[in-house]
Amino acid sequence: MPSTSNTTNTSNTSSTDQIVSLRGERELVRRAGDLITGAREEFLCAAADLVTFSPGVNAAFAGGRRPPVTPGGLTMRKLYTPRALADARSEARLVRIAESGVQVRISAAPLAHEAIVIDRRVAILAGAPVQGVRTFTVIRTPVAVEGVRTLVHAAWETAVDLDEFRRARPPALSEEARRVLRALSAGHTDEVTARGLGMSLRTYRRRVADLMTALGATSRFQAGLRARELEWGADGGTVDTQTPHDHEKGADRCDR
């Protein structure tokens, strides 16, 4: 990567020991695409969701340029927060990524950096979007690269595998199910509650039965306890919006 006016070279280092800021995915691919596709030993990606590095990494990997993930060869690890499973399509994409041989984990804690680290020699940090455009910082200073890798690796070690996270997470509840749950906790009769929710008595009881099934409860009391265990209550919960990702066409972001 040639040195330009937006390149800062540290003192007493080689010409490759530098930090470069790139504006937008196109410049990321043009200036750092070969670094991304040049991974041979380790490709680490840490991102809050499935759009952070989109469409840069996919564009770099286009045309079969993604290095093969093979035993004893390249190890590819992807670390995301639960935001990456925000809707059914994103979740299905994560499953496909994992099935391709990539190791995928979910971190319950916020990530210190959204970053890619390649072979311990290059780190790419993603900045927050400004008017829809991100700035990516490409780092080839060894001590800085190792520092970023250490943070990503530490988060990886405390995260859980995608399959385990999907099994253990609370089932998603619609807004209507949340309203039924709040009504259950109020302790009113079914007739009063159904009327307050604007439902027929039959519909309300069916919604309660569906909610008990979702929570794995055998009684209404148990459903209330289970909901509290999962940190649901009158003020909130997990909502399954089933809304397609806003950036569907750009998918992956360090996935394929």
C-alpha atoms as a PDB file:
ATOM      1  CA  MET A   1       0.000   0.000   0.000  1.00  0.00           C
ATOM      2  CA  PRO A   2       1.745   3.211  -1.095  1.00  0.00           C
ATOM      3  CA  SER A   3       2.300   6.049   1.323  1.00  0.00           C
ATOM      4  CA  THR A   4      -0.013   9.010   0.788  1.00  0.00           C
ATOM      5  CA  SER A   5      -0.862  12.225   2.544  1.00  0.00           C
ATOM      6  CA  ASN A   6      -3.246  10.404   4.863  1.00  0.00           C
ATOM      7  CA  THR A   7      -0.582   7.888   5.875  1.00  0.00           C
ATOM      8  CA  THR A   8       1.291   8.271   9.139  1.00  0.00           C
ATOM      9  CA  ASN A   9       4.625   6.428   9.376  1.00  0.00           C
ATOM     10  CA  THR A  10       6.049   5.830  12.817  1.00  0.00           C
ATOM     11  CA  SER A  11       9.674   6.762  13.416  1.00  0.00           C
ATOM     12  CA  ASN A  12      12.514   4.225  13.119  1.00  0.00           C
ATOM     13  CA  THR A  13      10.346   1.686  11.302  1.00  0.00           C
ATOM     14  CA  SER A  14      10.217   0.137   7.838  1.00  0.00           C
ATOM     15  CA  SER A  15       8.140   1.523   4.983  1.00  0.00           C
ATOM     16  CA  THR A  16       5.443  -1.101   5.638  1.00  0.00           C
ATOM     17  CA  ASP A  17       5.054  -0.026   9.275  1.00  0.00           C
ATOM     18  CA  GLN A  18       2.201   2.414   8.877  1.00  0.00           C
ATOM     19  CA  ILE A  19      -1.342   3.471   9.657  1.00  0.00           C
ATOM     20  CA  VAL A  20      -3.637   4.452   6.795  1.00  0.00           C
ATOM     21  CA  SER A  21      -7.194   5.824   6.856  1.00  0.00           C
ATOM     22  CA  LEU A  22      -9.484   4.777   4.017  1.00  0.00           C
ATOM     23  CA  ARG A  23     -12.880   6.319   3.389  1.00  0.00           C
ATOM     24  CA  GLY A  24     -15.641   3.943   2.392  1.00  0.00           C
ATOM     25  CA  GLU A  25     -15.795   0.331   1.257  1.00  0.00           C
ATOM     26  CA  ARG A  26     -14.666   1.020  -2.298  1.00  0.00           C
ATOM     27  CA  GLU A  27     -11.425   2.537  -1.150  1.00  0.00           C
ATOM     28  CA  LEU A  28     -11.023  -0.277   1.361  1.00  0.00           C
ATOM     29  CA  VAL A  29     -11.228  -2.850  -1.438  1.00  0.00           C
ATOM     30  CA  ARG A  30      -9.048  -0.849  -3.808  1.00  0.00           C
ATOM     31  CA  ARG A  31      -6.297  -0.111  -1.323  1.00  0.00           C
ATOM     32  CA  ALA A  32      -6.489  -3.074   1.056  1.00  0.00           C
ATOM     33  CA  GLY A  33      -8.237  -5.822  -0.896  1.00  0.00           C
ATOM     34  CA  ASP A  34      -5.016  -7.758  -1.430  1.00  0.00           C
ATOM     35  CA  LEU A  35      -4.333  -7.671   2.306  1.00  0.00           C
ATOM     36  CA  ILE A  36      -7.785  -9.131   3.009  1.00  0.00           C
ATOM     37  CA  THR A  37      -7.479 -11.919   0.449  1.00  0.00           C
ATOM     38  CA  GLY A  38      -3.885 -12.594   1.430  1.00  0.00           C
ATOM     39  CA  ALA A  39      -4.804 -14.271   4.734  1.00  0.00           C
ATOM     40  CA  ARG A  40      -2.999 -17.589   5.025  1.00  0.00           C
ATOM     41  CA  GLU A  41      -2.966 -18.535   8.710  1.00  0.00           C
ATOM     42  CA  GLU A  42      -5.577 -16.581  10.666  1.00  0.00           C
ATOM     43  CA  PHE A  43      -8.494 -14.328   9.752  1.00  0.00           C
ATOM     44  CA  LEU A  44     -10.257 -12.810  12.759  1.00  0.00           C
ATOM     45  CA  CYS A  45     -13.321 -10.651  12.409  1.00  0.00           C
ATOM     46  CA  ALA A  46     -15.113  -8.906  15.282  1.00  0.00           C
ATOM     47  CA  ALA A  47     -18.223  -6.921  14.439  1.00  0.00           C
ATOM     48  CA  ALA A  48     -21.384  -5.805  16.191  1.00  0.00           C
ATOM     49  CA  ASP A  49     -23.582  -7.078  13.370  1.00  0.00           C
ATOM     50  CA  LEU A  50     -23.562  -8.275   9.782  1.00  0.00           C
ATOM     51  CA  VAL A  51     -23.124  -4.912   8.068  1.00  0.00           C
ATOM     52  CA  THR A  52     -20.005  -3.384   9.583  1.00  0.00           C
ATOM     53  CA  PHE A  53     -17.562  -4.466   6.877  1.00  0.00           C
ATOM     54  CA  SER A  54     -20.113  -4.564   4.060  1.00  0.00           C
ATOM     55  CA  PRO A  55     -19.698  -4.683   1.199  1.00  0.00           C
ATOM     56  CA  GLY A  56     -15.926  -4.394   1.383  1.00  0.00           C
ATOM     57  CA  VAL A  57     -14.945  -7.901   2.414  1.00  0.00           C
ATOM     58  CA  ASN A  58     -17.442  -9.573   0.100  1.00  0.00           C
ATOM     59  CA  ALA A  59     -16.172  -7.466  -2.788  1.00  0.00           C
ATOM     60  CA  ALA A  60     -12.598  -8.429  -1.954  1.00  0.00           C
ATOM     61  CA  PHE A  61     -13.572 -12.107  -1.797  1.00  0.00           C
ATOM     62  CA  ALA A  62     -15.588 -11.977  -5.040  1.00  0.00           C
ATOM     63  CA  GLY A  63     -14.609 -14.211  -7.916  1.00  0.00           C
ATOM     64  CA  GLY A  64     -13.394 -17.026  -5.693  1.00  0.00           C
ATOM     65  CA  ARG A  65     -10.693 -14.935  -4.035  1.00  0.00           C
ATOM     66  CA  ARG A  66     -11.562 -15.967  -0.501  1.00  0.00           C
ATOM     67  CA  PRO A  67      -8.688 -18.032   0.893  1.00  0.00           C
ATOM     68  CA  PRO A  68      -9.788 -21.627   1.543  1.00  0.00           C
ATOM     69  CA  VAL A  69     -10.474 -22.639   5.136  1.00  0.00           C
ATOM     70  CA  THR A  70      -8.615 -25.924   5.554  1.00  0.00           C
ATOM     71  CA  PRO A  71      -7.429 -28.074   8.499  1.00  0.00           C
ATOM     72  CA  GLY A  72      -3.875 -27.070   9.271  1.00  0.00           C
ATOM     73  CA  GLY A  73      -4.249 -24.062   6.995  1.00  0.00           C
ATOM     74  CA  LEU A  74      -6.259 -20.878   7.334  1.00  0.00           C
ATOM     75  CA  THR A  75      -8.395 -20.516  10.464  1.00  0.00           C
ATOM     76  CA  MET A  76     -11.279 -18.092  10.044  1.00  0.00           C
ATOM     77  CA  ARG A  77     -13.120 -16.870  13.127  1.00  0.00           C
ATOM     78  CA  LYS A  78     -16.084 -14.495  13.187  1.00  0.00           C
ATOM     79  CA  LEU A  79     -17.196 -12.842  16.427  1.00  0.00           C
ATOM     80  CA  TYR A  80     -20.484 -10.937  16.620  1.00  0.00           C
ATOM     81  CA  THR A  81     -22.809  -9.479  19.224  1.00  0.00           C
ATOM     82  CA  PRO A  82     -26.478 -10.592  19.482  1.00  0.00           C
ATOM     83  CA  ARG A  83     -27.355  -7.772  17.085  1.00  0.00           C
ATOM     84  CA  ALA A  84     -26.158 -10.079  14.316  1.00  0.00           C
ATOM     85  CA  LEU A  85     -29.211 -12.257  14.975  1.00  0.00           C
ATOM     86  CA  ALA A  86     -31.625  -9.348  14.855  1.00  0.00           C
ATOM     87  CA  ASP A  87     -33.888 -10.995  12.298  1.00  0.00           C
ATOM     88  CA  ALA A  88     -34.500 -14.368  10.709  1.00  0.00           C
ATOM     89  CA  ARG A  89     -32.510 -13.623   7.554  1.00  0.00           C
ATOM     90  CA  SER A  90     -29.444 -12.501   9.445  1.00  0.00           C
ATOM     91  CA  GLU A  91     -29.622 -15.567  11.647  1.00  0.00           C
ATOM     92  CA  ALA A  92     -29.918 -17.850   8.631  1.00  0.00           C
ATOM     93  CA  ARG A  93     -26.884 -16.169   7.100  1.00  0.00           C
ATOM     94  CA  LEU A  94     -24.853 -16.729  10.258  1.00  0.00           C
ATOM     95  CA  VAL A  95     -25.790 -20.397  10.168  1.00  0.00           C
ATOM     96  CA  ARG A  96     -24.595 -20.632   6.553  1.00  0.00           C
ATOM     97  CA  ILE A  97     -21.323 -18.970   7.499  1.00  0.00           C
ATOM     98  CA  ALA A  98     -20.757 -21.507  10.255  1.00  0.00           C
ATOM     99  CA  GLU A  99     -21.632 -24.380   7.929  1.00  0.00           C
ATOM    100  CA  SER A 100     -18.948 -23.201   5.491  1.00  0.00           C
ATOM    101  CA  GLY A 101     -16.228 -24.081   7.989  1.00  0.00           C
ATOM    102  CA  VAL A 102     -15.924 -20.689   9.644  1.00  0.00           C
ATOM    103  CA  GLN A 103     -15.959 -20.618  13.443  1.00  0.00           C
ATOM    104  CA  VAL A 104     -18.704 -18.264  14.654  1.00  0.00           C
ATOM    105  CA  ARG A 105     -19.210 -17.061  18.216  1.00  0.00           C
ATOM    106  CA  ILE A 106     -21.528 -14.546  19.860  1.00  0.00           C
ATOM    107  CA  SER A 107     -20.298 -12.126  22.500  1.00  0.00           C
ATOM    108  CA  ALA A 108     -22.791 -10.934  25.089  1.00  0.00           C
ATOM    109  CA  ALA A 109     -20.482  -8.030  25.981  1.00  0.00           C
ATOM    110  CA  PRO A 110     -19.872  -5.001  23.736  1.00  0.00           C
ATOM    111  CA  LEU A 111     -16.769  -5.238  21.548  1.00  0.00           C
ATOM    112  CA  ALA A 112     -13.826  -2.944  22.208  1.00  0.00           C
ATOM    113  CA  HIS A 113     -13.245  -2.667  18.464  1.00  0.00           C
ATOM    114  CA  GLU A 114     -14.961  -3.721  15.282  1.00  0.00           C
ATOM    115  CA  ALA A 115     -11.942  -5.110  13.559  1.00  0.00           C
ATOM    116  CA  ILE A 116     -10.367  -7.607  11.217  1.00  0.00           C
ATOM    117  CA  VAL A 117      -6.947  -9.018  12.058  1.00  0.00           C
ATOM    118  CA  ILE A 118      -5.031 -10.910   9.393  1.00  0.00           C
ATOM    119  CA  ASP A 119      -2.108 -13.235  10.156  1.00  0.00           C
ATOM    120  CA  ARG A 120      -1.020 -11.032  13.081  1.00  0.00           C
ATOM    121  CA  ARG A 121       0.404  -8.590  10.552  1.00  0.00           C
ATOM    122  CA  VAL A 122      -2.549  -6.383   9.578  1.00  0.00           C
ATOM    123  CA  ALA A 123      -5.462  -4.964  11.541  1.00  0.00           C
ATOM    124  CA  ILE A 124      -8.395  -3.099  10.008  1.00  0.00           C
ATOM    125  CA  LEU A 125     -10.554  -1.041  12.344  1.00  0.00           C
ATOM    126  CA  ALA A 126     -14.021   0.132  11.299  1.00  0.00           C
ATOM    127  CA  GLY A 127     -15.154   3.547  12.422  1.00  0.00           C
ATOM    128  CA  ALA A 128     -18.733   4.578  13.055  1.00  0.00           C
ATOM    129  CA  PRO A 129     -20.583   5.607   9.868  1.00  0.00           C
ATOM    130  CA  VAL A 130     -20.784   9.323   9.193  1.00  0.00           C
ATOM    131  CA  GLN A 131     -23.590  10.180   6.771  1.00  0.00           C
ATOM    132  CA  GLY A 132     -23.632   6.528   5.785  1.00  0.00           C
ATOM    133  CA  VAL A 133     -19.893   6.262   5.105  1.00  0.00           C
ATOM    134  CA  ARG A 134     -17.380   4.501   7.329  1.00  0.00           C
ATOM    135  CA  THR A 135     -13.698   5.232   7.685  1.00  0.00           C
ATOM    136  CA  PHE A 136     -11.478   2.162   7.904  1.00  0.00           C
ATOM    137  CA  THR A 137      -8.075   2.345   9.548  1.00  0.00           C
ATOM    138  CA  VAL A 138      -5.521  -0.110   8.219  1.00  0.00           C
ATOM    139  CA  ILE A 139      -2.733  -0.754  10.699  1.00  0.00           C
ATOM    140  CA  ARG A 140       0.543  -2.531   9.974  1.00  0.00           C
ATOM    141  CA  THR A 141       2.481  -1.429  13.041  1.00  0.00           C
ATOM    142  CA  PRO A 142       3.313  -4.767  14.731  1.00  0.00           C
ATOM    143  CA  VAL A 143       2.781  -3.676  18.318  1.00  0.00           C
ATOM    144  CA  ALA A 144      -0.556  -2.034  17.461  1.00  0.00           C
ATOM    145  CA  VAL A 145      -1.721  -5.038  15.428  1.00  0.00           C
ATOM    146  CA  GLU A 146      -0.914  -7.355  18.311  1.00  0.00           C
ATOM    147  CA  GLY A 147      -2.777  -5.085  20.710  1.00  0.00           C
ATOM    148  CA  VAL A 148      -5.925  -5.214  18.571  1.00  0.00           C
ATOM    149  CA  ARG A 149      -5.594  -8.968  18.153  1.00  0.00           C
ATOM    150  CA  THR A 150      -5.256  -9.417  21.918  1.00  0.00           C
ATOM    151  CA  LEU A 151      -8.521  -7.552  22.517  1.00  0.00           C
ATOM    152  CA  VAL A 152     -10.367  -9.500  19.825  1.00  0.00           C
ATOM    153  CA  HIS A 153      -8.972 -12.813  21.033  1.00  0.00           C
ATOM    154  CA  ALA A 154      -9.940 -12.044  24.651  1.00  0.00           C
ATOM    155  CA  ALA A 155     -13.518 -11.339  23.558  1.00  0.00           C
ATOM    156  CA  TRP A 156     -13.484 -14.530  21.494  1.00  0.00           C
ATOM    157  CA  GLU A 157     -12.440 -16.627  24.492  1.00  0.00           C
ATOM    158  CA  THR A 158     -15.391 -15.425  26.581  1.00  0.00           C
ATOM    159  CA  ALA A 159     -17.970 -15.703  23.769  1.00  0.00           C
ATOM    160  CA  VAL A 160     -20.131 -18.757  23.054  1.00  0.00           C
ATOM    161  CA  ASP A 161     -20.475 -20.800  19.890  1.00  0.00           C
ATOM    162  CA  LEU A 162     -23.334 -19.786  17.608  1.00  0.00           C
ATOM    163  CA  ASP A 163     -25.197 -23.082  18.083  1.00  0.00           C
ATOM    164  CA  GLU A 164     -24.936 -22.846  21.863  1.00  0.00           C
ATOM    165  CA  PHE A 165     -26.137 -19.243  21.857  1.00  0.00           C
ATOM    166  CA  ARG A 166     -29.130 -20.124  19.683  1.00  0.00           C
ATOM    167  CA  ARG A 167     -30.088 -22.993  21.991  1.00  0.00           C
ATOM    168  CA  ALA A 168     -29.747 -21.008  25.210  1.00  0.00           C
ATOM    169  CA  ARG A 169     -31.185 -17.626  24.252  1.00  0.00           C
ATOM    170  CA  PRO A 170     -34.734 -16.668  25.189  1.00  0.00           C
ATOM    171  CA  PRO A 171     -37.335 -17.295  22.495  1.00  0.00           C
ATOM    172  CA  ALA A 172     -38.338 -14.157  20.645  1.00  0.00           C
ATOM    173  CA  LEU A 173     -41.671 -12.645  21.620  1.00  0.00           C
ATOM    174  CA  SER A 174     -43.880 -10.488  19.474  1.00  0.00           C
ATOM    175  CA  GLU A 175     -45.205  -7.211  20.852  1.00  0.00           C
ATOM    176  CA  GLU A 176     -48.603  -8.845  21.318  1.00  0.00           C
ATOM    177  CA  ALA A 177     -47.036 -11.681  23.332  1.00  0.00           C
ATOM    178  CA  ARG A 178     -45.291  -9.123  25.518  1.00  0.00           C
ATOM    179  CA  ARG A 179     -48.616  -7.392  26.186  1.00  0.00           C
ATOM    180  CA  VAL A 180     -50.167 -10.724  27.153  1.00  0.00           C
ATOM    181  CA  LEU A 181     -47.223 -11.400  29.452  1.00  0.00           C
ATOM    182  CA  ARG A 182     -47.629  -8.048  31.167  1.00  0.00           C
ATOM    183  CA  ALA A 183     -51.346  -8.681  31.526  1.00  0.00           C
ATOM    184  CA  LEU A 184     -50.706 -12.092  33.080  1.00  0.00           C
ATOM    185  CA  SER A 185     -48.497 -10.515  35.719  1.00  0.00           C
ATOM    186  CA  ALA A 186     -51.342  -8.165  36.708  1.00  0.00           C
ATOM    187  CA  GLY A 187     -53.386 -11.080  38.038  1.00  0.00           C
ATOM    188  CA  HIS A 188     -56.782 -10.091  36.625  1.00  0.00           C
ATOM    189  CA  THR A 189     -59.398 -12.566  35.455  1.00  0.00           C
ATOM    190  CA  ASP A 190     -59.238 -13.749  31.859  1.00  0.00           C
ATOM    191  CA  GLU A 191     -62.390 -11.836  31.011  1.00  0.00           C
ATOM    192  CA  VAL A 192     -61.038  -8.542  32.352  1.00  0.00           C
ATOM    193  CA  THR A 193     -57.638  -9.047  30.742  1.00  0.00           C
ATOM    194  CA  ALA A 194     -59.036 -10.032  27.350  1.00  0.00           C
ATOM    195  CA  ARG A 195     -61.290  -6.983  27.344  1.00  0.00           C
ATOM    196  CA  GLY A 196     -58.370  -4.738  28.271  1.00  0.00           C
ATOM    197  CA  LEU A 197     -56.287  -6.155  25.418  1.00  0.00           C
ATOM    198  CA  GLY A 198     -59.128  -5.802  22.942  1.00  0.00           C
ATOM    199  CA  MET A 199     -59.312  -9.553  22.315  1.00  0.00           C
ATOM    200  CA  SER A 200     -62.010 -12.121  22.537  1.00  0.00           C
ATOM    201  CA  LEU A 201     -61.748 -14.451  25.512  1.00  0.00           C
ATOM    202  CA  ARG A 202     -60.995 -17.352  23.193  1.00  0.00           C
ATOM    203  CA  THR A 203     -58.196 -15.477  21.419  1.00  0.00           C
ATOM    204  CA  TYR A 204     -56.655 -14.373  24.705  1.00  0.00           C
ATOM    205  CA  ARG A 205     -56.586 -17.904  26.076  1.00  0.00           C
ATOM    206  CA  ARG A 206     -55.021 -19.166  22.857  1.00  0.00           C
ATOM    207  CA  ARG A 207     -52.326 -16.467  23.114  1.00  0.00           C
ATOM    208  CA  VAL A 208     -51.638 -17.500  26.708  1.00  0.00           C
ATOM    209  CA  ALA A 209     -51.273 -21.128  25.624  1.00  0.00           C
ATOM    210  CA  ASP A 210     -48.879 -20.118  22.833  1.00  0.00           C
ATOM    211  CA  LEU A 211     -46.857 -18.033  25.272  1.00  0.00           C
ATOM    212  CA  MET A 212     -46.587 -20.915  27.736  1.00  0.00           C
ATOM    213  CA  THR A 213     -45.330 -23.154  24.950  1.00  0.00           C
ATOM    214  CA  ALA A 214     -42.725 -20.569  23.889  1.00  0.00           C
ATOM    215  CA  LEU A 215     -41.493 -20.284  27.469  1.00  0.00           C
ATOM    216  CA  GLY A 216     -41.521 -24.030  28.088  1.00  0.00           C
ATOM    217  CA  ALA A 217     -43.948 -23.548  30.970  1.00  0.00           C
ATOM    218  CA  THR A 218     -46.630 -25.974  32.149  1.00  0.00           C
ATOM    219  CA  SER A 219     -48.631 -23.387  34.100  1.00  0.00           C
ATOM    220  CA  ARG A 220     -49.294 -19.672  34.031  1.00  0.00           C
ATOM    221  CA  PHE A 221     -47.420 -19.257  37.291  1.00  0.00           C
ATOM    222  CA  GLN A 222     -44.423 -21.036  35.826  1.00  0.00           C
ATOM    223  CA  ALA A 223     -44.645 -18.872  32.718  1.00  0.00           C
ATOM    224  CA  GLY A 224     -44.436 -15.771  34.894  1.00  0.00           C
ATOM    225  CA  LEU A 225     -41.412 -17.117  36.730  1.00  0.00           C
ATOM    226  CA  ARG A 226     -39.743 -18.164  33.513  1.00  0.00           C
ATOM    227  CA  ALA A 227     -40.324 -14.742  32.018  1.00  0.00           C
ATOM    228  CA  ARG A 228     -38.697 -13.066  35.008  1.00  0.00           C
ATOM    229  CA  GLU A 229     -35.734 -15.440  34.773  1.00  0.00           C
ATOM    230  CA  LEU A 230     -35.286 -14.349  31.175  1.00  0.00           C
ATOM    231  CA  GLU A 231     -35.484 -10.709  32.235  1.00  0.00           C
ATOM    232  CA  TRP A 232     -38.841 -10.083  30.638  1.00  0.00           C
ATOM    233  CA  GLY A 233     -41.346  -8.004  32.462  1.00  0.00           C
ATOM    234  CA  ALA A 234     -43.730  -5.147  32.272  1.00  0.00           C
ATOM    235  CA  ASP A 235     -41.112  -2.793  30.847  1.00  0.00           C
ATOM    236  CA  GLY A 236     -39.669  -4.770  27.997  1.00  0.00           C
ATOM    237  CA  GLY A 237     -38.517  -7.982  26.426  1.00  0.00           C
ATOM    238  CA  THR A 238     -37.174  -9.566  23.333  1.00  0.00           C
ATOM    239  CA  VAL A 239     -39.163  -8.711  20.243  1.00  0.00           C
ATOM    240  CA  ASP A 240     -39.124 -10.767  17.079  1.00  0.00           C
ATOM    241  CA  THR A 241     -39.745  -8.172  14.416  1.00  0.00           C
ATOM    242  CA  GLN A 242     -38.859 -10.489  11.523  1.00  0.00           C
ATOM    243  CA  THR A 243     -37.795  -7.416   9.582  1.00  0.00           C
ATOM    244  CA  PRO A 244     -35.379  -8.064   6.710  1.00  0.00           C
ATOM    245  CA  HIS A 245     -31.957  -6.563   7.258  1.00  0.00           C
ATOM    246  CA  ASP A 246     -31.669  -3.026   5.956  1.00  0.00           C
ATOM    247  CA  HIS A 247     -28.523  -3.971   4.093  1.00  0.00           C
ATOM    248  CA  GLU A 248     -29.575  -7.326   2.649  1.00  0.00           C
ATOM    249  CA  LYS A 249     -27.809  -6.797  -0.653  1.00  0.00           C
ATOM    250  CA  GLY A 250     -24.536  -6.069   1.046  1.00  0.00           C
ATOM    251  CA  ALA A 251     -24.731  -9.148   3.251  1.00  0.00           C
ATOM    252  CA  ASP A 252     -21.831 -10.365   5.225  1.00  0.00           C
ATOM    253  CA  ARG A 253     -19.442  -8.158   6.047  1.00  0.00           C
ATOM    254  CA  CYS A 254     -16.716 -10.584   6.599  1.00  0.00           C
ATOM    255  CA  ASP A 255     -18.804 -13.606   6.059  1.00  0.00           C
ATOM    256  CA  ARG A 256     -18.598 -15.942   3.108  1.00  0.00           C
END
